[in-house]
Amino acid sequence: MKIKPLPIRLATLAAVALLATRLGAQTLATDTAVFLQTDPKSPVIARLKAGTLVKPAGEAPAGWQRVEVEGPFEAYVLNRDMTKGLEVRAGANIHAAPRKDAPVLTVAGKEDKTTITGLRGDWTQIRLEKRLQGFIAVGATANTPAEVKPLPAVVPTPAPAANAAAPGRPVPLTGDTAEMPRLFAGRLVSARRAFINPNPPYDYQLIDNAGRRFAYVDTKRLVMTDRIDALLEREVTITGTVRNTVDGKDLVIAAESMQVK
């Protein structure tokens, strides 16, 4: 193996450093918070480790630098912005928290990769795989307030064994997460409705705060089937996997556990 002479290697390193300087790049001396907005009270979307090389991703006010960071991010969209295929409708606002007044992280694009991770009333919690832009404080504003906390990290849970006897077809989720159990919350009610839905595909359904059905509930995996009626008309949390019904018109949660919220 040939080793370059030391002077040449030093010259190469110096050239790389000079190029980085010209591009406006810098190496972070400490762990640095990336804020959603140029405000230390805005949500922290990521934390960059000391030694990370960053460069400007666009213009920013004095005391701040705009950067681009990789996902995944935990985010929220209104239930009405979710399609039957479990995708976020293009053009929908993706929020940092399940509130209408929460900051908007980004606007959904057609090519965005998202995975449902839960249900919060009128909101669907998602895992967003996308590059987002944020801001790091530089100069006199570089100190991050101690009370500012990053958005919670999305920690995937182990996938259970597939149930070959379960009806319906798998939901076209991204990657290998189609059988990943998730947490859902809402009100459990009977799916049978005279005239409107006299013969539902499942006996139970989960509805949101507005009384709209989010998904049917398949209770075959539960060992507490004889006590389900005691949970009717109550706010519950359900752990299970989600898929489409056979006709593809509705969602169904294959419940693995259920309890009062």
Protein backbone atom coordinates (compact mmCIF):
# COMPACT_ATOMS: atom_id res chain seq x y z
CA MET A 1 0.00 0.00 0.00
CA LYS A 2 1.38 3.39 -1.01
CA ILE A 3 1.24 6.23 1.50
CA LYS A 4 1.25 9.79 0.27
CA PRO A 5 4.05 11.98 1.55
CA LEU A 6 3.04 13.99 4.62
CA PRO A 7 3.26 17.41 2.90
CA ILE A 8 0.82 16.29 0.19
CA ARG A 9 -1.63 14.87 2.73
CA LEU A 10 -1.53 18.10 4.74
CA ALA A 11 -2.11 20.08 1.57
CA THR A 12 -5.16 17.93 0.78
CA LEU A 13 -6.63 18.48 4.23
CA ALA A 14 -6.00 22.19 3.95
CA ALA A 15 -7.77 22.27 0.57
CA VAL A 16 -10.81 20.48 2.05
CA ALA A 17 -10.95 22.93 4.95
CA LEU A 18 -10.65 25.87 2.55
CA LEU A 19 -13.49 24.49 0.38
CA ALA A 20 -15.72 24.03 3.46
CA THR A 21 -15.03 27.61 4.51
CA ARG A 22 -15.93 28.93 1.08
CA LEU A 23 -19.18 27.01 1.15
CA GLY A 24 -20.01 28.53 4.53
CA ALA A 25 -19.81 25.16 6.29
CA GLN A 26 -18.75 24.87 9.90
CA THR A 27 -18.07 22.12 12.39
CA LEU A 28 -20.21 22.29 15.52
CA ALA A 29 -18.16 22.58 18.70
CA THR A 30 -21.01 21.38 20.96
CA ASP A 31 -24.32 19.52 20.71
CA THR A 32 -26.68 21.96 19.02
CA ALA A 33 -30.46 22.22 18.92
CA VAL A 34 -32.22 22.72 15.57
CA PHE A 35 -35.30 24.88 16.09
CA LEU A 36 -38.35 24.88 13.83
CA GLN A 37 -38.34 28.68 13.76
CA THR A 38 -35.91 31.49 14.61
CA ASP A 39 -37.18 31.46 18.17
CA PRO A 40 -35.61 29.49 21.06
CA LYS A 41 -39.16 28.81 22.34
CA SER A 42 -40.21 27.07 19.12
CA PRO A 43 -40.13 23.23 18.89
CA VAL A 44 -36.74 21.53 18.63
CA ILE A 45 -36.91 19.19 15.63
CA ALA A 46 -33.43 17.67 16.03
CA ARG A 47 -30.19 17.85 18.00
CA LEU A 48 -26.90 17.74 16.10
CA LYS A 49 -23.90 16.14 17.77
CA ALA A 50 -20.67 18.01 18.37
CA GLY A 51 -18.38 17.55 15.37
CA THR A 52 -21.22 17.59 12.84
CA LEU A 53 -20.37 19.54 9.69
CA VAL A 54 -23.22 21.88 8.75
CA LYS A 55 -23.60 24.44 6.00
CA PRO A 56 -26.24 27.09 5.32
CA ALA A 57 -29.38 25.83 3.55
CA GLY A 58 -30.67 29.32 2.76
CA GLU A 59 -31.06 32.78 4.19
CA ALA A 60 -31.72 33.37 7.89
CA PRO A 61 -32.03 36.38 10.23
CA ALA A 62 -28.97 37.67 12.05
CA GLY A 63 -27.93 35.33 14.86
CA TRP A 64 -29.38 32.26 13.14
CA GLN A 65 -28.34 29.76 10.48
CA ARG A 66 -30.77 27.75 8.35
CA VAL A 67 -29.85 24.05 8.08
CA GLU A 68 -31.41 20.88 6.70
CA VAL A 69 -31.80 17.74 8.84
CA GLU A 70 -32.84 14.15 8.18
CA GLY A 71 -35.90 12.48 9.71
CA PRO A 72 -37.70 10.56 10.99
CA PHE A 73 -39.90 13.04 12.85
CA GLU A 74 -42.96 12.52 15.04
CA ALA A 75 -45.78 14.63 13.65
CA TYR A 76 -49.57 14.97 13.51
CA VAL A 77 -52.22 15.50 10.84
CA LEU A 78 -55.98 15.91 11.08
CA ASN A 79 -57.87 12.66 10.51
CA ARG A 80 -59.70 14.20 7.56
CA ASP A 81 -56.33 14.62 5.84
CA MET A 82 -55.68 10.85 5.84
CA THR A 83 -56.72 8.88 2.78
CA LYS A 84 -58.26 5.40 2.84
CA GLY A 85 -54.84 4.11 1.76
CA LEU A 86 -53.36 5.40 5.05
CA GLU A 87 -51.46 8.17 3.30
CA VAL A 88 -51.38 11.86 4.14
CA ARG A 89 -53.24 13.91 1.55
CA ALA A 90 -50.85 15.99 -0.54
CA GLY A 91 -51.01 19.64 0.47
CA ALA A 92 -52.12 18.91 4.05
CA ASN A 93 -50.43 20.67 6.95
CA ILE A 94 -48.25 18.42 9.12
CA HIS A 95 -48.13 19.76 12.67
CA ALA A 96 -45.61 19.47 15.50
CA ALA A 97 -48.38 18.66 18.02
CA PRO A 98 -52.03 17.48 17.90
CA ARG A 99 -53.46 21.01 18.05
CA LYS A 100 -54.69 23.34 15.32
CA ASP A 101 -52.56 26.15 16.73
CA ALA A 102 -49.41 23.98 16.83
CA PRO A 103 -46.55 25.01 14.51
CA VAL A 104 -46.62 23.47 11.02
CA LEU A 105 -43.55 21.31 10.42
CA THR A 106 -44.12 21.03 6.69
CA VAL A 107 -46.76 20.60 3.99
CA ALA A 108 -47.30 17.02 2.80
CA GLY A 109 -45.95 16.15 -0.64
CA LYS A 110 -46.93 13.30 -2.95
CA GLU A 111 -43.62 11.48 -2.43
CA ASP A 112 -43.48 11.83 1.38
CA LYS A 113 -43.14 8.58 3.33
CA THR A 114 -45.34 8.39 6.43
CA THR A 115 -46.40 5.66 8.85
CA ILE A 116 -49.33 5.83 11.26
CA THR A 117 -48.16 5.44 14.88
CA GLY A 118 -51.32 6.36 16.81
CA LEU A 119 -54.63 8.19 17.04
CA ARG A 120 -55.25 11.27 19.22
CA GLY A 121 -58.92 12.16 18.90
CA ASP A 122 -59.27 14.26 15.74
CA TRP A 123 -55.56 13.76 14.99
CA THR A 124 -53.49 10.97 13.49
CA GLN A 125 -49.96 10.60 14.84
CA ILE A 126 -47.42 9.76 12.12
CA ARG A 127 -43.75 9.00 11.62
CA LEU A 128 -42.48 11.30 8.86
CA GLU A 129 -39.48 10.31 6.71
CA LYS A 130 -38.38 13.57 5.14
CA ARG A 131 -35.64 16.20 5.17
CA LEU A 132 -36.76 19.33 7.00
CA GLN A 133 -35.22 22.75 7.34
CA GLY A 134 -34.70 24.37 10.70
CA PHE A 135 -32.52 26.95 12.41
CA ILE A 136 -29.54 26.84 14.75
CA ALA A 137 -28.57 29.79 16.91
CA VAL A 138 -25.11 31.24 16.25
CA GLY A 139 -23.05 33.89 17.97
CA ALA A 140 -24.57 35.49 21.07
CA THR A 141 -27.83 33.54 20.71
CA ALA A 142 -26.16 30.12 20.57
CA ASN A 143 -27.05 29.07 24.12
CA THR A 144 -30.02 26.70 24.18
CA PRO A 145 -32.46 27.33 27.09
CA ALA A 146 -32.49 24.43 29.54
CA GLU A 147 -36.28 24.12 29.47
CA VAL A 148 -36.47 23.56 25.71
CA LYS A 149 -37.00 19.89 24.94
CA PRO A 150 -36.81 18.11 21.58
CA LEU A 151 -39.82 16.46 20.00
CA PRO A 152 -40.18 12.87 21.30
CA ALA A 153 -38.22 10.30 19.32
CA VAL A 154 -40.19 7.64 17.49
CA VAL A 155 -39.15 4.24 18.89
CA PRO A 156 -40.43 1.32 16.79
CA THR A 157 -41.81 -1.68 18.68
CA PRO A 158 -41.10 -5.30 17.65
CA ALA A 159 -43.40 -6.71 15.00
CA PRO A 160 -45.65 -9.61 16.09
CA ALA A 161 -46.08 -12.83 14.16
CA ALA A 162 -48.45 -12.46 11.23
CA ASN A 163 -51.95 -13.86 11.69
CA ALA A 164 -52.68 -15.86 8.56
CA ALA A 165 -56.33 -16.27 9.53
CA ALA A 166 -57.01 -12.55 9.85
CA PRO A 167 -59.38 -11.24 7.17
CA GLY A 168 -58.55 -8.32 4.93
CA ARG A 169 -55.42 -7.38 3.03
CA PRO A 170 -52.30 -5.68 4.43
CA VAL A 171 -52.15 -1.90 4.39
CA PRO A 172 -49.48 -0.64 1.93
CA LEU A 173 -47.25 0.91 4.60
CA THR A 174 -43.65 1.88 3.92
CA GLY A 175 -40.76 -0.49 4.59
CA ASP A 176 -41.35 -3.52 6.82
CA THR A 177 -43.76 -1.82 9.23
CA ALA A 178 -47.07 -3.20 7.95
CA GLU A 179 -47.37 -5.56 10.94
CA MET A 180 -46.03 -3.14 13.58
CA PRO A 181 -48.44 -2.79 16.55
CA ARG A 182 -49.51 0.77 17.31
CA LEU A 183 -51.49 2.61 19.96
CA PHE A 184 -54.92 4.03 19.07
CA ALA A 185 -57.30 6.06 21.21
CA GLY A 186 -60.97 6.91 20.79
CA ARG A 187 -64.47 5.90 21.84
CA LEU A 188 -65.51 2.27 21.39
CA VAL A 189 -69.06 1.84 20.07
CA SER A 190 -71.17 -0.79 18.37
CA ALA A 191 -70.75 -0.80 14.60
CA ARG A 192 -74.28 -2.00 13.97
CA ARG A 193 -76.66 0.84 13.05
CA ALA A 194 -80.25 0.30 11.96
CA PHE A 195 -80.81 1.25 8.29
CA ILE A 196 -77.38 2.95 8.01
CA ASN A 197 -75.12 -0.05 8.70
CA PRO A 198 -77.27 -3.07 9.67
CA ASN A 199 -74.65 -5.69 8.70
CA PRO A 200 -71.17 -4.30 9.47
CA PRO A 201 -68.09 -6.44 8.75
CA TYR A 202 -67.12 -6.16 12.45
CA ASP A 203 -69.16 -5.73 15.63
CA TYR A 204 -67.23 -2.78 17.02
CA GLN A 205 -65.69 0.46 15.79
CA LEU A 206 -63.50 3.27 17.13
CA ILE A 207 -64.80 6.81 16.64
CA ASP A 208 -63.19 10.23 17.12
CA ASN A 209 -64.43 13.25 19.09
CA ALA A 210 -66.71 14.28 16.23
CA GLY A 211 -68.43 10.88 16.16
CA ARG A 212 -66.79 9.82 12.90
CA ARG A 213 -65.56 6.25 12.49
CA PHE A 214 -61.78 6.01 12.37
CA ALA A 215 -61.67 2.21 12.06
CA TYR A 216 -63.52 -1.01 12.74
CA VAL A 217 -62.12 -3.13 15.57
CA ASP A 218 -61.36 -6.83 15.06
CA THR A 219 -61.48 -8.48 18.52
CA LYS A 220 -60.51 -12.05 17.54
CA ARG A 221 -57.05 -11.77 19.14
CA LEU A 222 -58.40 -10.55 22.48
CA VAL A 223 -58.78 -12.93 25.42
CA MET A 224 -61.26 -10.58 27.12
CA THR A 225 -64.04 -10.89 24.53
CA ASP A 226 -66.66 -11.53 27.23
CA ARG A 227 -65.90 -8.14 28.84
CA ILE A 228 -65.85 -5.94 25.74
CA ASP A 229 -69.46 -4.82 26.23
CA ALA A 230 -68.36 -3.17 29.50
CA LEU A 231 -66.09 -0.87 27.45
CA LEU A 232 -68.77 0.27 25.03
CA GLU A 233 -69.37 4.03 24.85
CA ARG A 234 -66.16 4.66 26.78
CA GLU A 235 -62.84 6.25 25.85
CA VAL A 236 -60.34 3.44 25.33
CA THR A 237 -56.81 2.80 24.12
CA ILE A 238 -56.18 -0.10 21.77
CA THR A 239 -52.89 -1.70 20.85
CA GLY A 240 -52.90 -3.53 17.54
CA THR A 241 -52.10 -3.53 13.85
CA VAL A 242 -54.10 -1.66 11.24
CA ARG A 243 -55.12 -2.73 7.74
CA ASN A 244 -57.81 -2.14 5.12
CA THR A 245 -61.09 -4.03 5.04
CA VAL A 246 -61.48 -6.51 2.19
CA ASP A 247 -63.23 -3.96 -0.03
CA GLY A 248 -60.59 -1.32 0.76
CA LYS A 249 -63.21 1.25 1.83
CA ASP A 250 -62.50 1.27 5.57
CA LEU A 251 -59.76 0.60 8.10
CA VAL A 252 -59.76 -2.13 10.71
CA ILE A 253 -57.62 -2.45 13.84
CA ALA A 254 -56.67 -6.00 14.81
CA ALA A 255 -56.77 -5.42 18.57
CA GLU A 256 -54.20 -7.17 20.77
CA SER A 257 -55.09 -5.34 23.98
CA MET A 258 -57.76 -2.85 25.04
CA GLN A 259 -58.28 -0.79 28.18
CA VAL A 260 -60.15 2.26 29.45
CA LYS A 261 -58.23 5.44 28.69
